[in-house]
Protein backbone atom coordinates (compact mmCIF):
# COMPACT_ATOMS: atom_id res chain seq x y z
CA MET A 1 161.98 -29.52 24.79
CA ASP A 2 163.35 -32.54 22.95
CA LEU A 3 164.42 -34.61 25.95
CA LYS A 4 166.30 -37.17 23.87
CA ALA A 5 168.36 -34.48 22.08
CA TYR A 6 169.25 -32.94 25.44
CA CYS A 7 170.16 -36.16 27.32
CA GLU A 8 171.77 -38.39 24.67
CA PRO A 9 175.00 -36.41 24.12
CA ALA A 10 175.38 -35.52 27.82
CA LYS A 11 178.42 -36.87 29.62
CA GLY A 12 178.97 -36.70 33.36
CA HIS A 13 177.69 -38.18 36.59
CA GLY A 14 174.38 -38.03 38.34
CA SER A 15 172.48 -39.03 41.41
CA LEU A 16 169.06 -40.54 42.01
CA ALA A 17 167.22 -39.97 45.28
CA THR A 18 164.35 -42.19 46.34
CA ALA A 19 162.43 -42.78 49.55
CA ASP A 20 160.57 -45.79 50.89
CA VAL A 21 156.96 -45.56 52.05
CA SER A 22 158.06 -44.59 55.58
CA GLY A 23 160.21 -41.70 54.30
CA GLN A 24 163.68 -43.24 54.60
CA VAL A 25 165.79 -41.65 51.85
CA ASN A 26 168.46 -43.26 49.69
CA LEU A 27 170.83 -41.52 47.26
CA ALA A 28 172.74 -43.42 44.57
CA ILE A 29 175.26 -42.45 41.89
CA VAL A 30 173.84 -43.11 38.41
CA ASP A 31 174.72 -42.55 34.77
CA ARG A 32 172.89 -40.02 32.59
CA PRO A 33 169.22 -40.73 31.92
CA ARG A 34 168.29 -42.71 28.82
CA VAL A 35 165.22 -41.44 26.99
CA MET A 36 162.79 -44.14 25.91
CA ALA A 37 160.48 -44.07 22.87
CA ASP A 38 157.57 -42.79 25.00
CA ASN A 39 159.74 -39.80 26.13
CA PHE A 40 160.17 -41.18 29.67
CA ALA A 41 163.60 -40.97 31.29
CA ALA A 42 165.11 -44.27 32.43
CA PHE A 43 168.17 -45.06 34.51
CA ILE A 44 170.28 -48.18 34.26
CA MET A 45 170.60 -49.57 37.76
CA PRO A 46 171.05 -52.89 39.52
CA HIS A 47 168.11 -54.48 41.30
CA ARG A 48 169.00 -52.98 44.68
CA LEU A 49 167.63 -50.42 47.14
CA ASN A 50 166.59 -47.62 44.76
CA HIS A 51 165.00 -50.11 42.37
CA ASN A 52 162.95 -51.64 45.20
CA ARG A 53 161.94 -48.23 46.53
CA LEU A 54 160.78 -47.05 43.11
CA GLU A 55 158.46 -50.05 42.92
CA SER A 56 156.73 -49.14 46.21
CA ASN A 57 157.05 -45.31 46.04
CA PRO A 58 157.58 -44.01 42.45
CA PRO A 59 158.38 -40.29 43.07
CA ALA A 60 162.13 -39.64 42.84
CA ALA A 61 164.61 -36.82 42.22
CA SER A 62 167.61 -36.89 39.92
CA LEU A 63 170.54 -34.54 39.40
CA HIS A 64 173.00 -34.88 36.52
CA LEU A 65 176.28 -32.96 36.51
CA LYS A 66 177.40 -32.47 32.92
CA ASP A 67 181.09 -32.68 32.06
CA GLY A 68 182.71 -29.80 30.22
CA LEU A 69 181.04 -26.84 31.88
CA ALA A 70 183.27 -24.06 33.19
CA GLN A 71 183.30 -23.33 36.91
CA GLY A 72 180.18 -21.39 37.81
CA GLU A 73 178.32 -22.40 34.63
CA PHE A 74 175.19 -24.47 34.78
CA ASP A 75 172.77 -26.03 32.31
CA MET A 76 169.50 -26.92 33.97
CA LYS A 77 166.35 -28.60 32.69
CA ARG A 78 163.33 -29.61 34.75
CA LEU A 79 161.84 -32.96 33.82
CA GLY A 80 158.28 -33.81 34.75
């Protein structure tokens, strides 16, 4: 799958879920992922809770809801 071709034209809203080392979960609203040259997905975010948690506990989950899909339609891709 060409991750950049899939993510670049996508419009919509997403969420990013992270947890600290003790298991406390945080969920934040984010923009679509940006695909870097090394084919990693990146999210633009302020240096706040999720950013700090990713530094100490890198696993995370993201969900992006694409605009323009009819009710009941879905377009799903698993990353990583």
